[in-house]
C-alpha atoms as a PDB file:
ATOM      1  CA  MET A   1      -0.106  -0.093   0.185  1.00  0.00           C
ATOM      2  CA  ILE A   2       1.441   3.342  -0.991  1.00  0.00           C
ATOM      3  CA  PHE A   3       0.131   6.524   0.350  1.00  0.00           C
ATOM      4  CA  TYR A   4       1.093   9.609  -1.687  1.00  0.00           C
ATOM      5  CA  PHE A   5       0.670  13.388  -1.697  1.00  0.00           C
ATOM      6  CA  SER A   6       1.234  15.188  -5.036  1.00  0.00           C
ATOM      7  CA  GLY A   7       0.533  18.828  -6.084  1.00  0.00           C
ATOM      8  CA  THR A   8       1.856  19.004  -9.798  1.00  0.00           C
ATOM      9  CA  GLY A   9       2.075  15.133 -10.441  1.00  0.00           C
ATOM     10  CA  ASN A  10       5.902  14.470  -9.675  1.00  0.00           C
ATOM     11  CA  SER A  11       5.246  12.378  -6.465  1.00  0.00           C
ATOM     12  CA  LEU A  12       2.264  10.766  -8.154  1.00  0.00           C
ATOM     13  CA  ASP A  13       4.355   9.641 -11.122  1.00  0.00           C
ATOM     14  CA  ILE A  14       6.922   8.051  -8.888  1.00  0.00           C
ATOM     15  CA  ALA A  15       4.195   6.379  -6.947  1.00  0.00           C
ATOM     16  CA  LYS A  16       2.524   4.902 -10.086  1.00  0.00           C
ATOM     17  CA  SER A  17       5.784   3.831 -11.234  1.00  0.00           C
ATOM     18  CA  ILE A  18       6.655   1.927  -7.936  1.00  0.00           C
ATOM     19  CA  GLY A  19       3.107   0.829  -7.186  1.00  0.00           C
ATOM     20  CA  GLU A  20       2.856  -0.998 -10.603  1.00  0.00           C
ATOM     21  CA  ASN A  21       6.315  -2.536 -10.126  1.00  0.00           C
ATOM     22  CA  GLN A  22       5.580  -3.698  -6.674  1.00  0.00           C
ATOM     23  CA  GLY A  23       1.909  -4.553  -7.179  1.00  0.00           C
ATOM     24  CA  GLU A  24       0.880  -2.087  -4.630  1.00  0.00           C
ATOM     25  CA  LYS A  25      -2.332  -0.030  -4.567  1.00  0.00           C
ATOM     26  CA  LEU A  26      -2.083   3.798  -4.204  1.00  0.00           C
ATOM     27  CA  VAL A  27      -4.072   5.906  -1.835  1.00  0.00           C
ATOM     28  CA  SER A  28      -4.076   9.778  -2.242  1.00  0.00           C
ATOM     29  CA  ILE A  29      -3.557  11.427   0.987  1.00  0.00           C
ATOM     30  CA  GLY A  30      -5.194  14.663  -0.120  1.00  0.00           C
ATOM     31  CA  ARG A  31      -8.239  12.792  -1.248  1.00  0.00           C
ATOM     32  CA  VAL A  32      -8.517  10.736   1.887  1.00  0.00           C
ATOM     33  CA  MET A  33      -7.988  13.805   4.255  1.00  0.00           C
ATOM     34  CA  ASN A  34     -10.892  15.472   2.343  1.00  0.00           C
ATOM     35  CA  ASP A  35     -13.132  13.145   4.466  1.00  0.00           C
ATOM     36  CA  ARG A  36     -12.155  15.161   7.499  1.00  0.00           C
ATOM     37  CA  LYS A  37     -12.121  12.121   9.890  1.00  0.00           C
ATOM     38  CA  ASP A  38     -10.622  11.664  13.305  1.00  0.00           C
ATOM     39  CA  TYR A  39      -8.596   8.729  12.110  1.00  0.00           C
ATOM     40  CA  TYR A  40      -7.977   6.583   8.802  1.00  0.00           C
ATOM     41  CA  GLU A  41      -7.886   2.895   9.158  1.00  0.00           C
ATOM     42  CA  TYR A  42      -6.443   0.260   6.725  1.00  0.00           C
ATOM     43  CA  ILE A  43      -6.157  -3.428   7.077  1.00  0.00           C
ATOM     44  CA  LEU A  44      -2.778  -4.708   6.113  1.00  0.00           C
ATOM     45  CA  GLU A  45      -2.137  -8.153   4.446  1.00  0.00           C
ATOM     46  CA  GLU A  46       0.562 -10.377   5.710  1.00  0.00           C
ATOM     47  CA  ASN A  47       3.939  -8.826   5.143  1.00  0.00           C
ATOM     48  CA  GLU A  48       2.440  -6.032   3.063  1.00  0.00           C
ATOM     49  CA  THR A  49       4.889  -3.280   2.032  1.00  0.00           C
ATOM     50  CA  ILE A  50       3.982   0.425   3.089  1.00  0.00           C
ATOM     51  CA  GLY A  51       5.197   3.318   1.253  1.00  0.00           C
ATOM     52  CA  PHE A  52       4.958   7.178   1.574  1.00  0.00           C
ATOM     53  CA  ILE A  53       5.767   9.221  -1.444  1.00  0.00           C
ATOM     54  CA  TYR A  54       5.460  13.084  -1.294  1.00  0.00           C
ATOM     55  CA  PRO A  55       7.384  16.255  -2.192  1.00  0.00           C
ATOM     56  CA  VAL A  56       9.512  18.201  -0.039  1.00  0.00           C
ATOM     57  CA  TYR A  57       8.191  21.561   1.170  1.00  0.00           C
ATOM     58  CA  ALA A  58      11.015  23.670   2.641  1.00  0.00           C
ATOM     59  CA  TRP A  59      13.118  20.676   3.644  1.00  0.00           C
ATOM     60  CA  ALA A  60      10.465  18.725   5.341  1.00  0.00           C
ATOM     61  CA  PRO A  61       7.403  16.733   4.221  1.00  0.00           C
ATOM     62  CA  PRO A  62       4.210  18.667   3.593  1.00  0.00           C
ATOM     63  CA  SER A  63       2.206  19.342   6.737  1.00  0.00           C
ATOM     64  CA  MET A  64      -0.883  17.369   5.474  1.00  0.00           C
ATOM     65  CA  VAL A  65       1.383  14.249   5.169  1.00  0.00           C
ATOM     66  CA  ILE A  66       2.353  14.381   8.866  1.00  0.00           C
ATOM     67  CA  GLU A  67      -1.052  15.080   9.820  1.00  0.00           C
ATOM     68  CA  PHE A  68      -2.309  12.108   8.018  1.00  0.00           C
ATOM     69  CA  ILE A  69       0.368   9.930   9.673  1.00  0.00           C
ATOM     70  CA  LYS A  70      -0.938  10.980  12.897  1.00  0.00           C
ATOM     71  CA  LYS A  71      -4.264   9.875  12.211  1.00  0.00           C
ATOM     72  CA  LEU A  72      -3.271   6.646  10.447  1.00  0.00           C
ATOM     73  CA  ARG A  73      -4.346   3.327  11.892  1.00  0.00           C
ATOM     74  CA  LEU A  74      -2.811   0.278  10.334  1.00  0.00           C
ATOM     75  CA  LYS A  75      -4.530  -2.986  11.438  1.00  0.00           C
ATOM     76  CA  ASN A  76      -2.402  -6.036  11.439  1.00  0.00           C
ATOM     77  CA  TYR A  77       0.882  -4.008  11.418  1.00  0.00           C
ATOM     78  CA  LYS A  78       3.702  -6.361  12.450  1.00  0.00           C
ATOM     79  CA  ASP A  79       6.912  -4.474  11.880  1.00  0.00           C
ATOM     80  CA  ASN A  80       5.989  -4.352   7.939  1.00  0.00           C
ATOM     81  CA  TYR A  81       8.471  -2.829   5.777  1.00  0.00           C
ATOM     82  CA  ILE A  82       7.971   0.851   5.417  1.00  0.00           C
ATOM     83  CA  PHE A  83       9.825   2.999   2.814  1.00  0.00           C
ATOM     84  CA  SER A  84       9.682   6.663   1.950  1.00  0.00           C
ATOM     85  CA  VAL A  85      10.382   8.534  -1.266  1.00  0.00           C
ATOM     86  CA  ALA A  86      10.757  12.422  -1.136  1.00  0.00           C
ATOM     87  CA  THR A  87      10.644  14.237  -4.372  1.00  0.00           C
ATOM     88  CA  CYS A  88      12.486  17.422  -4.503  1.00  0.00           C
ATOM     89  CA  GLY A  89      14.058  20.263  -6.768  1.00  0.00           C
ATOM     90  CA  GLU A  90      17.513  19.786  -5.139  1.00  0.00           C
ATOM     91  CA  ASN A  91      17.832  18.309  -1.718  1.00  0.00           C
ATOM     92  CA  ILE A  92      15.749  17.289   1.364  1.00  0.00           C
ATOM     93  CA  GLY A  93      17.401  18.286   4.640  1.00  0.00           C
ATOM     94  CA  ASN A  94      16.048  16.343   7.530  1.00  0.00           C
ATOM     95  CA  THR A  95      13.041  15.163   5.859  1.00  0.00           C
ATOM     96  CA  MET A  96      13.329  11.617   6.556  1.00  0.00           C
ATOM     97  CA  LYS A  97      14.049  12.318  10.251  1.00  0.00           C
ATOM     98  CA  VAL A  98      10.897  14.344  10.493  1.00  0.00           C
ATOM     99  CA  LEU A  99       8.845  11.544   8.768  1.00  0.00           C
ATOM    100  CA  ASP A 100      10.274   8.876  10.908  1.00  0.00           C
ATOM    101  CA  LYS A 101       9.708  10.778  14.106  1.00  0.00           C
ATOM    102  CA  ALA A 102       5.879  11.156  13.044  1.00  0.00           C
ATOM    103  CA  LEU A 103       5.794   7.299  12.260  1.00  0.00           C
ATOM    104  CA  ASN A 104       7.523   6.468  15.579  1.00  0.00           C
ATOM    105  CA  LYS A 105       4.836   8.483  17.437  1.00  0.00           C
ATOM    106  CA  ASN A 106       2.347   6.289  15.862  1.00  0.00           C
ATOM    107  CA  GLY A 107       4.141   3.073  16.683  1.00  0.00           C
ATOM    108  CA  LEU A 108       5.653   2.677  13.216  1.00  0.00           C
ATOM    109  CA  LYS A 109       9.257   2.527  11.822  1.00  0.00           C
ATOM    110  CA  LEU A 110      10.689   3.773   8.732  1.00  0.00           C
ATOM    111  CA  SER A 111      12.868   0.872   7.000  1.00  0.00           C
ATOM    112  CA  SER A 112      14.522   2.751   4.200  1.00  0.00           C
ATOM    113  CA  GLY A 113      14.129   6.301   2.465  1.00  0.00           C
ATOM    114  CA  PHE A 114      15.131   7.835  -0.857  1.00  0.00           C
ATOM    115  CA  SER A 115      15.158  11.109  -2.406  1.00  0.00           C
ATOM    116  CA  ILE A 116      14.670  11.911  -6.256  1.00  0.00           C
ATOM    117  CA  LYS A 117      15.367  15.020  -7.928  1.00  0.00           C
ATOM    118  CA  MET A 118      12.343  16.127 -10.150  1.00  0.00           C
ATOM    119  CA  PRO A 119      11.597  19.363 -12.059  1.00  0.00           C
ATOM    120  CA  ASN A 120      11.095  22.438 -10.041  1.00  0.00           C
ATOM    121  CA  ASN A 121       7.651  23.991  -9.465  1.00  0.00           C
ATOM    122  CA  TYR A 122       7.716  26.223  -6.414  1.00  0.00           C
ATOM    123  CA  ILE A 123       7.401  29.443  -8.621  1.00  0.00           C
ATOM    124  CA  VAL A 124       6.523  31.506  -5.346  1.00  0.00           C
ATOM    125  CA  LEU A 125      10.418  31.508  -5.136  1.00  0.00           C
ATOM    126  CA  GLY A 126      12.427  30.851  -8.276  1.00  0.00           C
ATOM    127  CA  ASN A 127      10.949  29.606 -11.665  1.00  0.00           C
ATOM    128  CA  VAL A 128      10.356  26.332 -13.376  1.00  0.00           C
ATOM    129  CA  ASP A 129      13.174  24.453 -15.042  1.00  0.00           C
ATOM    130  CA  SER A 130      14.094  24.744 -18.570  1.00  0.00           C
ATOM    131  CA  LYS A 131      12.638  22.062 -20.784  1.00  0.00           C
ATOM    132  CA  GLU A 132      16.205  20.645 -21.098  1.00  0.00           C
ATOM    133  CA  VAL A 133      16.860  20.462 -17.256  1.00  0.00           C
ATOM    134  CA  GLU A 134      13.155  19.121 -16.801  1.00  0.00           C
ATOM    135  CA  GLU A 135      13.759  16.254 -19.407  1.00  0.00           C
ATOM    136  CA  HIS A 136      17.047  15.582 -17.890  1.00  0.00           C
ATOM    137  CA  LYS A 137      15.682  15.088 -14.400  1.00  0.00           C
ATOM    138  CA  LEU A 138      12.730  13.044 -15.505  1.00  0.00           C
ATOM    139  CA  LEU A 139      15.183  10.609 -17.390  1.00  0.00           C
ATOM    140  CA  ALA A 140      17.349  10.316 -14.235  1.00  0.00           C
ATOM    141  CA  ALA A 141      14.495   9.883 -11.860  1.00  0.00           C
ATOM    142  CA  LYS A 142      13.323   6.947 -14.049  1.00  0.00           C
ATOM    143  CA  GLU A 143      16.595   5.154 -13.584  1.00  0.00           C
ATOM    144  CA  LYS A 144      16.658   6.097  -9.800  1.00  0.00           C
ATOM    145  CA  VAL A 145      13.217   4.424  -9.575  1.00  0.00           C
ATOM    146  CA  LYS A 146      14.659   1.123 -11.057  1.00  0.00           C
ATOM    147  CA  ILE A 147      17.055   1.138  -8.173  1.00  0.00           C
ATOM    148  CA  ILE A 148      14.644   1.755  -5.495  1.00  0.00           C
ATOM    149  CA  ASN A 149      12.208  -0.828  -6.790  1.00  0.00           C
ATOM    150  CA  GLU A 150      14.892  -3.414  -6.383  1.00  0.00           C
ATOM    151  CA  ILE A 151      15.841  -2.323  -2.916  1.00  0.00           C
ATOM    152  CA  ILE A 152      11.990  -2.425  -1.998  1.00  0.00           C
ATOM    153  CA  ARG A 153      11.444  -5.833  -3.501  1.00  0.00           C
ATOM    154  CA  ASN A 154      14.247  -7.168  -1.467  1.00  0.00           C
ATOM    155  CA  LYS A 155      12.995  -5.319   1.587  1.00  0.00           C
ATOM    156  CA  GLU A 156      16.495  -4.002   2.438  1.00  0.00           C
ATOM    157  CA  ASN A 157      16.547  -2.234   5.673  1.00  0.00           C
ATOM    158  CA  GLN A 158      18.399   0.948   6.721  1.00  0.00           C
ATOM    159  CA  VAL A 159      19.116   1.994   3.041  1.00  0.00           C
ATOM    160  CA  PHE A 160      18.977   5.896   2.938  1.00  0.00           C
ATOM    161  CA  GLN A 161      19.852   7.205  -0.501  1.00  0.00           C
ATOM    162  CA  ILE A 162      19.091  10.716   0.096  1.00  0.00           C
ATOM    163  CA  ASP A 163      20.651  14.086  -0.710  1.00  0.00           C
ATOM    164  CA  LYS A 164      20.385  16.249   2.535  1.00  0.00           C
ATOM    165  CA  GLY A 165      22.130  19.281   0.973  1.00  0.00           C
ATOM    166  CA  PHE A 166      24.455  21.731   2.558  1.00  0.00           C
ATOM    167  CA  MET A 167      23.306  22.604   6.097  1.00  0.00           C
ATOM    168  CA  GLY A 168      20.096  20.589   5.255  1.00  0.00           C
ATOM    169  CA  GLY A 169      19.264  19.940   8.902  1.00  0.00           C
ATOM    170  CA  VAL A 170      19.649  23.360   9.907  1.00  0.00           C
ATOM    171  CA  LEU A 171      17.333  24.350   7.237  1.00  0.00           C
ATOM    172  CA  THR A 172      14.704  21.940   8.197  1.00  0.00           C
ATOM    173  CA  ILE A 173      14.892  23.205  11.691  1.00  0.00           C
ATOM    174  CA  ILE A 174      14.844  26.883  10.973  1.00  0.00           C
ATOM    175  CA  VAL A 175      12.959  27.396   7.643  1.00  0.00           C
ATOM    176  CA  ASN A 176      10.273  24.882   7.558  1.00  0.00           C
ATOM    177  CA  PRO A 177       8.462  26.079  10.836  1.00  0.00           C
ATOM    178  CA  MET A 178       8.460  29.577   9.145  1.00  0.00           C
ATOM    179  CA  PHE A 179       7.187  28.138   5.989  1.00  0.00           C
ATOM    180  CA  ASN A 180       4.419  26.248   7.647  1.00  0.00           C
ATOM    181  CA  LYS A 181       3.384  29.205   9.703  1.00  0.00           C
ATOM    182  CA  ARG A 182       3.326  31.775   6.749  1.00  0.00           C
ATOM    183  CA  GLY A 183       2.515  29.484   3.959  1.00  0.00           C
ATOM    184  CA  ILE A 184      -1.042  28.678   5.292  1.00  0.00           C
ATOM    185  CA  SER A 185      -2.133  32.099   4.326  1.00  0.00           C
ATOM    186  CA  VAL A 186      -4.262  32.542   1.141  1.00  0.00           C
ATOM    187  CA  LYS A 187      -4.227  36.217   0.995  1.00  0.00           C
ATOM    188  CA  GLU A 188      -1.829  36.204  -2.064  1.00  0.00           C
ATOM    189  CA  PHE A 189      -3.903  34.013  -4.165  1.00  0.00           C
ATOM    190  CA  TYR A 190      -6.222  35.454  -6.920  1.00  0.00           C
ATOM    191  CA  ALA A 191      -7.402  34.633 -10.492  1.00  0.00           C
ATOM    192  CA  ASN A 192      -6.980  37.221 -13.230  1.00  0.00           C
ATOM    193  CA  ASP A 193      -9.322  37.974 -16.145  1.00  0.00           C
ATOM    194  CA  ASN A 194      -8.177  34.668 -17.934  1.00  0.00           C
ATOM    195  CA  CYS A 195     -10.269  32.864 -15.615  1.00  0.00           C
ATOM    196  CA  ASN A 196     -13.219  30.880 -17.369  1.00  0.00           C
ATOM    197  CA  SER A 197     -14.588  29.245 -14.235  1.00  0.00           C
ATOM    198  CA  CYS A 198     -13.718  25.600 -15.305  1.00  0.00           C
ATOM    199  CA  ARG A 199     -13.176  24.681 -11.711  1.00  0.00           C
ATOM    200  CA  VAL A 200     -10.016  22.772 -12.188  1.00  0.00           C
ATOM    201  CA  CYS A 201      -8.533  24.558  -9.334  1.00  0.00           C
ATOM    202  CA  GLU A 202     -11.286  23.600  -7.069  1.00  0.00           C
ATOM    203  CA  LYS A 203     -11.040  19.831  -8.038  1.00  0.00           C
ATOM    204  CA  VAL A 204      -7.257  19.596  -7.583  1.00  0.00           C
ATOM    205  CA  CYS A 205      -6.923  21.463  -4.280  1.00  0.00           C
ATOM    206  CA  ASN A 206      -5.422  19.253  -1.786  1.00  0.00           C
ATOM    207  CA  SER A 207      -6.705  21.260   1.091  1.00  0.00           C
ATOM    208  CA  GLN A 208     -10.105  21.760  -0.446  1.00  0.00           C
ATOM    209  CA  ILE A 209     -10.168  25.402   0.274  1.00  0.00           C
ATOM    210  CA  ILE A 210     -11.110  26.693  -3.342  1.00  0.00           C
ATOM    211  CA  LYS A 211     -14.726  27.499  -4.238  1.00  0.00           C
ATOM    212  CA  VAL A 212     -15.414  28.722  -7.728  1.00  0.00           C
ATOM    213  CA  THR A 213     -18.660  30.832  -8.446  1.00  0.00           C
ATOM    214  CA  GLU A 214     -17.741  33.151 -11.097  1.00  0.00           C
ATOM    215  CA  LYS A 215     -13.889  33.254 -10.016  1.00  0.00           C
ATOM    216  CA  PRO A 216     -12.146  31.115  -7.346  1.00  0.00           C
ATOM    217  CA  ARG A 217     -12.128  32.115  -3.699  1.00  0.00           C
ATOM    218  CA  TRP A 218      -9.631  30.712  -1.172  1.00  0.00           C
ATOM    219  CA  GLU A 219     -10.913  30.291   2.352  1.00  0.00           C
ATOM    220  CA  GLY A 220      -8.848  28.251   4.827  1.00  0.00           C
ATOM    221  CA  GLN A 221      -5.247  27.023   5.424  1.00  0.00           C
ATOM    222  CA  CYS A 222      -3.144  26.248   2.404  1.00  0.00           C
ATOM    223  CA  THR A 223      -0.540  23.452   1.871  1.00  0.00           C
ATOM    224  CA  GLN A 224       1.311  25.530  -0.570  1.00  0.00           C
ATOM    225  CA  CYS A 225       1.126  22.387  -3.054  1.00  0.00           C
ATOM    226  CA  LEU A 226       0.481  25.138  -5.924  1.00  0.00           C
ATOM    227  CA  ALA A 227      -1.635  22.621  -7.865  1.00  0.00           C
ATOM    228  CA  CYS A 228      -4.210  25.461  -8.443  1.00  0.00           C
ATOM    229  CA  ILE A 229      -1.593  27.625 -10.107  1.00  0.00           C
ATOM    230  CA  HIS A 230       0.206  25.060 -12.247  1.00  0.00           C
ATOM    231  CA  LEU A 231      -2.706  23.084 -13.332  1.00  0.00           C
ATOM    232  CA  CYS A 232      -5.069  25.947 -14.388  1.00  0.00           C
ATOM    233  CA  PRO A 233      -5.496  25.732 -18.178  1.00  0.00           C
ATOM    234  CA  GLN A 234      -5.896  29.260 -18.668  1.00  0.00           C
ATOM    235  CA  LYS A 235      -2.698  30.379 -16.449  1.00  0.00           C
ATOM    236  CA  ALA A 236      -5.166  32.608 -14.698  1.00  0.00           C
ATOM    237  CA  ILE A 237      -4.258  31.844 -11.093  1.00  0.00           C
ATOM    238  CA  GLN A 238      -1.578  33.926  -9.536  1.00  0.00           C
ATOM    239  CA  TYR A 239       0.346  34.368  -6.112  1.00  0.00           C
ATOM    240  CA  GLY A 240       1.288  37.893  -5.321  1.00  0.00           C
ATOM    241  CA  LYS A 241       3.044  39.935  -7.963  1.00  0.00           C
ATOM    242  CA  GLY A 242       5.656  37.449  -8.900  1.00  0.00           C
ATOM    243  CA  THR A 243       4.154  34.588 -10.633  1.00  0.00           C
ATOM    244  CA  GLU A 244       2.454  36.303 -13.573  1.00  0.00           C
ATOM    245  CA  ALA A 245       5.493  36.145 -15.863  1.00  0.00           C
ATOM    246  CA  LYS A 246       6.718  32.766 -14.485  1.00  0.00           C
ATOM    247  CA  GLY A 247       6.297  29.284 -16.229  1.00  0.00           C
ATOM    248  CA  ARG A 248       3.922  26.547 -15.178  1.00  0.00           C
ATOM    249  CA  TYR A 249       4.556  22.842 -14.713  1.00  0.00           C
ATOM    250  CA  LYS A 250       2.592  19.501 -14.776  1.00  0.00           C
ATOM    251  CA  ASN A 251       4.391  16.277 -14.775  1.00  0.00           C
ATOM    252  CA  PRO A 252       4.043  14.908 -18.413  1.00  0.00           C
ATOM    253  CA  ASN A 253       3.220  11.503 -17.154  1.00  0.00           C
ATOM    254  CA  VAL A 254       0.148  12.164 -15.339  1.00  0.00           C
ATOM    255  CA  LYS A 255      -3.288  13.856 -16.491  1.00  0.00           C
ATOM    256  CA  ILE A 256      -5.080  16.449 -14.519  1.00  0.00           C
ATOM    257  CA  LYS A 257      -7.988  14.117 -13.973  1.00  0.00           C
ATOM    258  CA  ASP A 258      -5.404  11.845 -12.048  1.00  0.00           C
ATOM    259  CA  MET A 259      -4.793  14.947  -9.778  1.00  0.00           C
ATOM    260  CA  GLU A 260      -8.352  15.615  -8.813  1.00  0.00           C
ATOM    261  CA  ILE A 261      -9.321  15.168  -5.192  1.00  0.00           C
ATOM    262  CA  ILE A 262     -13.040  15.659  -5.692  1.00  0.00           C
END
């Protein structure tokens, strides 16, 4: 069973590749969390492998992933093999430690972990990669997944193939709390006159805080997945004054339909 969280399709792409290879079903964390339950229970088969695949937000897992793990109940869990794959633009800091800590609090233990570089999409700071860089990262990721699949299949323990980056641990401790505190605000989101009320943003919002009448309205706490910005067919959705002229990105191996939460 593979639990995944994805905003622009990178983590879903990896989840699909690993899921198909390992014969594991996929569970969308965003879709599940939309039910607003106190806990989420799953029944494990004998020796079933468990995976968590998600992007890195400010050198840690998305807050929704951690919240999901807190509410996760796994029946028949008997030290099952648990792996984690973090997709990132460059490096992940102490992401694996943060995830393992959340698992430990729920009586679970991370067996192995990996990071995979994928095309950049956090255009609030920076821009998308060039097409050349994007294609290079996707090809390299495909090869990395082959190695990861072999390790998972053999259930190799304590294999951590990750790129923490320079001062990654410090960045996780200092930057991530600020990101989670400030990133939840929706004040900077708006739709320009290109909006045609197609409701794609509403359907793909992991936090389910977008409602479209004539134009989308954001009400609630955001995860900063930026699915609404990147997947808008009209490039109508913006964040502050800096995204208008920037590129947009969707993983080429997934469809917008695959990303819908509702």
